[in-house]
C-alpha atoms as a PDB file:
ATOM      1  CA  MET A   1     123.954  89.041 178.503  1.00  0.00           C
ATOM      2  CA  ARG A   2     125.341  85.983 180.312  1.00  0.00           C
ATOM      3  CA  LEU A   3     125.758  82.887 178.113  1.00  0.00           C
ATOM      4  CA  VAL A   4     126.715  79.211 178.198  1.00  0.00           C
ATOM      5  CA  ILE A   5     127.898  77.679 174.908  1.00  0.00           C
ATOM      6  CA  ALA A   6     127.696  73.959 174.132  1.00  0.00           C
ATOM      7  CA  ASP A   7     129.237  72.325 171.063  1.00  0.00           C
ATOM      8  CA  ASP A   8     131.277  69.152 170.713  1.00  0.00           C
ATOM      9  CA  SER A   9     133.778  70.957 168.458  1.00  0.00           C
ATOM     10  CA  LEU A  10     136.428  72.801 170.461  1.00  0.00           C
ATOM     11  CA  LEU A  11     137.060  75.215 167.589  1.00  0.00           C
ATOM     12  CA  VAL A  12     133.365  76.102 167.229  1.00  0.00           C
ATOM     13  CA  ARG A  13     132.907  76.353 170.992  1.00  0.00           C
ATOM     14  CA  GLU A  14     135.888  78.610 171.587  1.00  0.00           C
ATOM     15  CA  GLY A  15     135.251  80.573 168.397  1.00  0.00           C
ATOM     16  CA  LEU A  16     131.715  81.401 169.484  1.00  0.00           C
ATOM     17  CA  ALA A  17     132.922  82.280 172.972  1.00  0.00           C
ATOM     18  CA  ARG A  18     135.503  84.694 171.550  1.00  0.00           C
ATOM     19  CA  LEU A  19     133.067  86.192 169.026  1.00  0.00           C
ATOM     20  CA  LEU A  20     130.227  86.722 171.496  1.00  0.00           C
ATOM     21  CA  GLY A  21     132.598  87.835 174.233  1.00  0.00           C
ATOM     22  CA  ASP A  22     134.017  90.518 171.962  1.00  0.00           C
ATOM     23  CA  ALA A  23     130.441  91.624 171.232  1.00  0.00           C
ATOM     24  CA  GLY A  24     129.869  92.325 174.914  1.00  0.00           C
ATOM     25  CA  CYS A  25     128.412  89.049 176.192  1.00  0.00           C
ATOM     26  CA  GLU A  26     129.699  87.386 179.354  1.00  0.00           C
ATOM     27  CA  ILE A  27     130.495  83.722 178.721  1.00  0.00           C
ATOM     28  CA  THR A  28     129.819  82.011 182.050  1.00  0.00           C
ATOM     29  CA  GLY A  29     130.743  78.534 180.821  1.00  0.00           C
ATOM     30  CA  THR A  30     131.249  76.202 177.884  1.00  0.00           C
ATOM     31  CA  ALA A  31     130.484  72.504 177.437  1.00  0.00           C
ATOM     32  CA  ALA A  32     131.258  69.723 174.988  1.00  0.00           C
ATOM     33  CA  ASP A  33     128.079  67.731 175.640  1.00  0.00           C
ATOM     34  CA  ALA A  34     124.530  68.051 176.957  1.00  0.00           C
ATOM     35  CA  THR A  35     125.431  66.881 180.462  1.00  0.00           C
ATOM     36  CA  GLY A  36     128.091  69.572 180.719  1.00  0.00           C
ATOM     37  CA  LEU A  37     125.654  72.171 179.372  1.00  0.00           C
ATOM     38  CA  ILE A  38     123.030  71.410 182.001  1.00  0.00           C
ATOM     39  CA  ARG A  39     125.692  71.406 184.731  1.00  0.00           C
ATOM     40  CA  GLU A  40     127.021  74.820 183.654  1.00  0.00           C
ATOM     41  CA  VAL A  41     123.494  76.264 183.552  1.00  0.00           C
ATOM     42  CA  HIS A  42     122.776  75.035 187.081  1.00  0.00           C
ATOM     43  CA  LEU A  43     126.074  76.450 188.341  1.00  0.00           C
ATOM     44  CA  THR A  44     126.174  79.821 186.576  1.00  0.00           C
ATOM     45  CA  LYS A  45     122.496  80.633 185.847  1.00  0.00           C
ATOM     46  CA  PRO A  46     123.008  82.387 182.488  1.00  0.00           C
ATOM     47  CA  ASP A  47     120.416  84.402 180.595  1.00  0.00           C
ATOM     48  CA  ALA A  48     120.670  82.156 177.525  1.00  0.00           C
ATOM     49  CA  VAL A  49     122.487  79.183 176.027  1.00  0.00           C
ATOM     50  CA  VAL A  50     123.770  78.428 172.532  1.00  0.00           C
ATOM     51  CA  VAL A  51     123.701  74.712 171.754  1.00  0.00           C
ATOM     52  CA  ASP A  52     124.372  72.375 168.827  1.00  0.00           C
ATOM     53  CA  ILE A  53     121.944  69.555 167.965  1.00  0.00           C
ATOM     54  CA  LYS A  54     124.237  66.536 167.737  1.00  0.00           C
ATOM     55  CA  MET A  55     126.673  66.030 170.597  1.00  0.00           C
ATOM     56  CA  PRO A  56     128.196  63.124 172.540  1.00  0.00           C
ATOM     57  CA  PRO A  57     127.533  60.392 173.351  1.00  0.00           C
ATOM     58  CA  THR A  58     125.211  59.351 170.474  1.00  0.00           C
ATOM     59  CA  PHE A  59     125.459  62.403 168.170  1.00  0.00           C
ATOM     60  CA  THR A  60     121.739  62.247 167.406  1.00  0.00           C
ATOM     61  CA  ASP A  61     119.478  64.748 169.159  1.00  0.00           C
ATOM     62  CA  GLU A  62     121.226  65.616 172.420  1.00  0.00           C
ATOM     63  CA  GLY A  63     120.872  69.352 171.836  1.00  0.00           C
ATOM     64  CA  ILE A  64     117.105  69.173 171.320  1.00  0.00           C
ATOM     65  CA  ARG A  65     116.639  67.023 174.411  1.00  0.00           C
ATOM     66  CA  ALA A  66     118.864  69.316 176.462  1.00  0.00           C
ATOM     67  CA  ALA A  67     116.848  72.330 175.279  1.00  0.00           C
ATOM     68  CA  HIS A  68     113.601  70.701 176.423  1.00  0.00           C
ATOM     69  CA  ALA A  69     115.155  69.719 179.758  1.00  0.00           C
ATOM     70  CA  LEU A  70     116.336  73.280 180.358  1.00  0.00           C
ATOM     71  CA  ARG A  71     112.917  74.687 179.449  1.00  0.00           C
ATOM     72  CA  ARG A  72     111.390  72.502 182.180  1.00  0.00           C
ATOM     73  CA  THR A  73     113.909  73.418 184.887  1.00  0.00           C
ATOM     74  CA  HIS A  74     114.704  76.996 183.803  1.00  0.00           C
ATOM     75  CA  PRO A  75     111.594  78.244 181.920  1.00  0.00           C
ATOM     76  CA  ALA A  76     112.875  81.819 181.592  1.00  0.00           C
ATOM     77  CA  ILE A  77     116.206  80.920 179.986  1.00  0.00           C
ATOM     78  CA  GLY A  78     116.690  81.627 176.285  1.00  0.00           C
ATOM     79  CA  VAL A  79     117.784  78.610 174.233  1.00  0.00           C
ATOM     80  CA  LEU A  80     119.267  79.150 170.781  1.00  0.00           C
ATOM     81  CA  VAL A  81     120.000  76.019 168.762  1.00  0.00           C
ATOM     82  CA  LEU A  82     122.742  76.708 166.231  1.00  0.00           C
ATOM     83  CA  SER A  83     122.749  73.861 163.732  1.00  0.00           C
ATOM     84  CA  GLN A  84     124.142  72.841 160.372  1.00  0.00           C
ATOM     85  CA  TYR A  85     120.941  70.917 159.563  1.00  0.00           C
ATOM     86  CA  MET A  86     118.261  72.616 157.449  1.00  0.00           C
ATOM     87  CA  GLU A  87     115.582  69.948 157.945  1.00  0.00           C
ATOM     88  CA  SER A  88     112.425  71.667 159.180  1.00  0.00           C
ATOM     89  CA  GLU A  89     111.576  68.634 161.327  1.00  0.00           C
ATOM     90  CA  TRP A  90     114.381  69.537 163.748  1.00  0.00           C
ATOM     91  CA  ALA A  91     113.044  73.063 164.214  1.00  0.00           C
ATOM     92  CA  MET A  92     109.461  71.845 164.639  1.00  0.00           C
ATOM     93  CA  ARG A  93     110.540  69.245 167.168  1.00  0.00           C
ATOM     94  CA  LEU A  94     112.334  71.955 169.130  1.00  0.00           C
ATOM     95  CA  ILE A  95     109.381  74.350 169.377  1.00  0.00           C
ATOM     96  CA  SER A  96     106.374  72.016 169.148  1.00  0.00           C
ATOM     97  CA  ASP A  97     105.529  71.929 172.866  1.00  0.00           C
ATOM     98  CA  ALA A  98     106.551  75.349 174.188  1.00  0.00           C
ATOM     99  CA  PRO A  99     107.890  77.711 171.518  1.00  0.00           C
ATOM    100  CA  ASP A 100     108.616  80.702 173.751  1.00  0.00           C
ATOM    101  CA  HIS A 101     112.269  81.395 174.624  1.00  0.00           C
ATOM    102  CA  LEU A 102     113.452  79.098 171.809  1.00  0.00           C
ATOM    103  CA  GLY A 103     115.320  79.695 168.555  1.00  0.00           C
ATOM    104  CA  TYR A 104     116.757  77.667 165.682  1.00  0.00           C
ATOM    105  CA  LEU A 105     119.370  79.132 163.338  1.00  0.00           C
ATOM    106  CA  ILE A 106     121.452  77.547 160.575  1.00  0.00           C
ATOM    107  CA  LYS A 107     125.195  77.967 161.184  1.00  0.00           C
ATOM    108  CA  ASP A 108     126.058  78.639 157.553  1.00  0.00           C
ATOM    109  CA  ARG A 109     123.497  81.458 157.370  1.00  0.00           C
ATOM    110  CA  VAL A 110     124.847  83.396 160.331  1.00  0.00           C
ATOM    111  CA  ASP A 111     127.118  85.844 158.535  1.00  0.00           C
ATOM    112  CA  HIS A 112     127.539  88.417 161.303  1.00  0.00           C
ATOM    113  CA  VAL A 113     127.657  88.382 165.088  1.00  0.00           C
ATOM    114  CA  ASP A 114     124.762  90.864 165.156  1.00  0.00           C
ATOM    115  CA  VAL A 115     122.492  88.096 163.818  1.00  0.00           C
ATOM    116  CA  LEU A 116     123.379  85.948 166.819  1.00  0.00           C
ATOM    117  CA  ILE A 117     122.997  88.789 169.290  1.00  0.00           C
ATOM    118  CA  ASP A 118     119.598  89.736 167.877  1.00  0.00           C
ATOM    119  CA  ALA A 119     118.365  86.125 168.060  1.00  0.00           C
ATOM    120  CA  LEU A 120     119.666  85.763 171.624  1.00  0.00           C
ATOM    121  CA  ASP A 121     117.971  89.002 172.668  1.00  0.00           C
ATOM    122  CA  ARG A 122     114.698  87.721 171.233  1.00  0.00           C
ATOM    123  CA  VAL A 123     114.716  84.256 172.772  1.00  0.00           C
ATOM    124  CA  THR A 124     115.730  85.751 176.120  1.00  0.00           C
ATOM    125  CA  ALA A 125     112.751  88.118 175.857  1.00  0.00           C
ATOM    126  CA  GLY A 126     110.433  85.138 175.295  1.00  0.00           C
ATOM    127  CA  GLU A 127     110.097  85.132 171.514  1.00  0.00           C
ATOM    128  CA  CYS A 128     110.421  82.237 169.085  1.00  0.00           C
ATOM    129  CA  VAL A 129     113.046  82.632 166.335  1.00  0.00           C
ATOM    130  CA  VAL A 130     113.238  80.315 163.329  1.00  0.00           C
ATOM    131  CA  ASP A 131     115.791  80.623 160.535  1.00  0.00           C
ATOM    132  CA  PRO A 132     114.229  82.149 157.376  1.00  0.00           C
ATOM    133  CA  THR A 133     115.462  79.161 155.344  1.00  0.00           C
ATOM    134  CA  ILE A 134     113.351  76.823 157.471  1.00  0.00           C
ATOM    135  CA  VAL A 135     110.316  79.098 157.209  1.00  0.00           C
ATOM    136  CA  ASP A 136     110.723  79.213 153.425  1.00  0.00           C
ATOM    137  CA  ARG A 137     110.857  75.408 153.216  1.00  0.00           C
ATOM    138  CA  LEU A 138     107.739  75.119 155.319  1.00  0.00           C
ATOM    139  CA  LEU A 139     105.953  77.629 153.117  1.00  0.00           C
ATOM    140  CA  ARG A 140     106.639  75.561 150.012  1.00  0.00           C
ATOM    141  CA  ARG A 141     104.972  72.452 151.390  1.00  0.00           C
ATOM    142  CA  PRO A 142     101.327  71.656 150.664  1.00  0.00           C
ATOM    143  CA  ARG A 143      99.143  71.923 153.751  1.00  0.00           C
ATOM    144  CA  GLU A 144      95.681  70.896 154.891  1.00  0.00           C
ATOM    145  CA  ASP A 145      92.910  73.319 155.802  1.00  0.00           C
ATOM    146  CA  SER A 146      93.721  75.307 158.933  1.00  0.00           C
ATOM    147  CA  ALA A 147      92.973  78.495 160.837  1.00  0.00           C
ATOM    148  CA  LEU A 148      95.417  80.237 158.524  1.00  0.00           C
ATOM    149  CA  ASP A 149      92.823  80.054 155.760  1.00  0.00           C
ATOM    150  CA  ALA A 150      91.018  82.924 157.497  1.00  0.00           C
ATOM    151  CA  LEU A 151      94.013  85.212 156.995  1.00  0.00           C
ATOM    152  CA  THR A 152      94.449  87.524 154.025  1.00  0.00           C
ATOM    153  CA  PRO A 153      97.575  87.196 151.829  1.00  0.00           C
ATOM    154  CA  ARG A 154      99.039  90.299 153.488  1.00  0.00           C
ATOM    155  CA  GLU A 155      98.376  88.883 156.960  1.00  0.00           C
ATOM    156  CA  LEU A 156     100.102  85.645 155.950  1.00  0.00           C
ATOM    157  CA  GLU A 157     103.121  87.676 154.824  1.00  0.00           C
ATOM    158  CA  VAL A 158     103.218  89.429 158.185  1.00  0.00           C
ATOM    159  CA  LEU A 159     102.882  86.158 160.099  1.00  0.00           C
ATOM    160  CA  ALA A 160     105.625  84.504 158.031  1.00  0.00           C
ATOM    161  CA  LEU A 161     108.006  87.344 158.907  1.00  0.00           C
ATOM    162  CA  MET A 162     106.973  87.092 162.554  1.00  0.00           C
ATOM    163  CA  ALA A 163     107.906  83.407 162.370  1.00  0.00           C
ATOM    164  CA  GLU A 164     111.401  84.418 161.265  1.00  0.00           C
ATOM    165  CA  GLY A 165     111.736  86.357 164.515  1.00  0.00           C
ATOM    166  CA  ARG A 166     111.680  89.778 162.858  1.00  0.00           C
ATOM    167  CA  SER A 167     110.757  92.846 164.911  1.00  0.00           C
ATOM    168  CA  ASN A 168     107.766  95.035 164.089  1.00  0.00           C
ATOM    169  CA  ALA A 169     110.093  97.708 162.740  1.00  0.00           C
ATOM    170  CA  ALA A 170     111.816  95.201 160.430  1.00  0.00           C
ATOM    171  CA  ILE A 171     108.504  93.777 159.193  1.00  0.00           C
ATOM    172  CA  ALA A 172     107.090  97.238 158.512  1.00  0.00           C
ATOM    173  CA  ALA A 173     110.202  98.201 156.552  1.00  0.00           C
ATOM    174  CA  ARG A 174     110.169  94.938 154.572  1.00  0.00           C
ATOM    175  CA  LEU A 175     106.508  95.296 153.582  1.00  0.00           C
ATOM    176  CA  TYR A 176     106.525  99.099 153.224  1.00  0.00           C
ATOM    177  CA  LEU A 177     103.899  99.517 155.934  1.00  0.00           C
ATOM    178  CA  SER A 178     103.516 102.198 158.577  1.00  0.00           C
ATOM    179  CA  PRO A 179     103.930 101.010 162.192  1.00  0.00           C
ATOM    180  CA  LYS A 180     100.228 101.648 162.881  1.00  0.00           C
ATOM    181  CA  THR A 181      99.134  99.663 159.824  1.00  0.00           C
ATOM    182  CA  LEU A 182     101.379  96.764 160.842  1.00  0.00           C
ATOM    183  CA  GLU A 183     100.023  96.786 164.381  1.00  0.00           C
ATOM    184  CA  ALA A 184      96.502  96.643 162.947  1.00  0.00           C
ATOM    185  CA  HIS A 185      97.473  93.615 160.833  1.00  0.00           C
ATOM    186  CA  ILE A 186      98.929  91.851 163.871  1.00  0.00           C
ATOM    187  CA  ARG A 187      95.816  92.533 165.968  1.00  0.00           C
ATOM    188  CA  GLN A 188      93.670  91.127 163.166  1.00  0.00           C
ATOM    189  CA  ILE A 189      95.890  88.034 162.856  1.00  0.00           C
ATOM    190  CA  LEU A 190      95.576  87.319 166.586  1.00  0.00           C
ATOM    191  CA  GLN A 191      91.805  87.783 166.453  1.00  0.00           C
ATOM    192  CA  ARG A 192      91.365  85.557 163.387  1.00  0.00           C
ATOM    193  CA  LEU A 193      93.455  82.815 165.041  1.00  0.00           C
ATOM    194  CA  GLY A 194      91.295  83.019 168.164  1.00  0.00           C
ATOM    195  CA  LEU A 195      94.132  84.090 170.425  1.00  0.00           C
ATOM    196  CA  GLU A 196      92.449  86.070 173.175  1.00  0.00           C
ATOM    197  CA  GLU A 197      94.443  88.286 175.503  1.00  0.00           C
ATOM    198  CA  SER A 198      95.815  86.482 178.551  1.00  0.00           C
ATOM    199  CA  ARG A 199      98.371  87.330 181.204  1.00  0.00           C
ATOM    200  CA  ASP A 200      99.825  83.825 180.935  1.00  0.00           C
ATOM    201  CA  ASP A 201     100.178  83.465 177.163  1.00  0.00           C
ATOM    202  CA  HIS A 202     102.550  85.144 174.738  1.00  0.00           C
ATOM    203  CA  ARG A 203     100.057  85.566 171.877  1.00  0.00           C
ATOM    204  CA  ARG A 204     102.691  86.465 169.300  1.00  0.00           C
ATOM    205  CA  VAL A 205     104.565  83.228 170.026  1.00  0.00           C
ATOM    206  CA  LEU A 206     101.339  81.212 169.918  1.00  0.00           C
ATOM    207  CA  ALA A 207     100.490  82.733 166.534  1.00  0.00           C
ATOM    208  CA  VAL A 208     103.910  81.767 165.187  1.00  0.00           C
ATOM    209  CA  LEU A 209     103.489  78.221 166.479  1.00  0.00           C
ATOM    210  CA  GLU A 210     100.064  77.954 164.825  1.00  0.00           C
ATOM    211  CA  TYR A 211     101.632  79.118 161.585  1.00  0.00           C
ATOM    212  CA  LEU A 212     104.549  76.675 161.706  1.00  0.00           C
ATOM    213  CA  ARG A 213     102.289  73.751 162.573  1.00  0.00           C
ATOM    214  CA  ALA A 214      99.989  74.581 159.676  1.00  0.00           C
ATOM    215  CA  VAL A 215     102.699  74.882 157.040  1.00  0.00           C
ATOM    216  CA  ARG A 216     104.943  72.014 158.172  1.00  0.00           C
END
């Protein structure tokens, strides 16, 4: 996998480059700000980028805005935001318009390079990955009536794990379900949410977005 890494901290930037490089990724470029990130993407055309939220010049939301800009110009690129901020609003702002190919992980919760590689594989494949801590916070909030009310408790469990970016195999193992039973649950979830099959839509991603919007 070919990657560009953007973080205003030299130590974080170079540390990630070394870590991911040792894991078999090709680091095509690094950047200290959003402008540099976009330039490196245009020049090297990576498969995915890893970006922080707050970077020069204002240290506010440069990473989020850069992610949205890249999604417009390079819709197939995977964008993984690696942040120290656990506020769910940042994650929802990232994925609210087009959740496919996007991910949001908390730096302090990434305890092994395999977690990063798995998330990068998923966003590159078109999935939406949200840190389990964020999903848990969203779950604890009161919500208004929504399409999720049509789901059974088990289906909500499955959808919550889908929102964390977990694979079918991981969800089945977590819930002690057979692969066929899990697939049946997922089909039912998509039907209950009114997500008809389409060549243009990633229904799994749309289901996750519906879930995150409802529980935010």
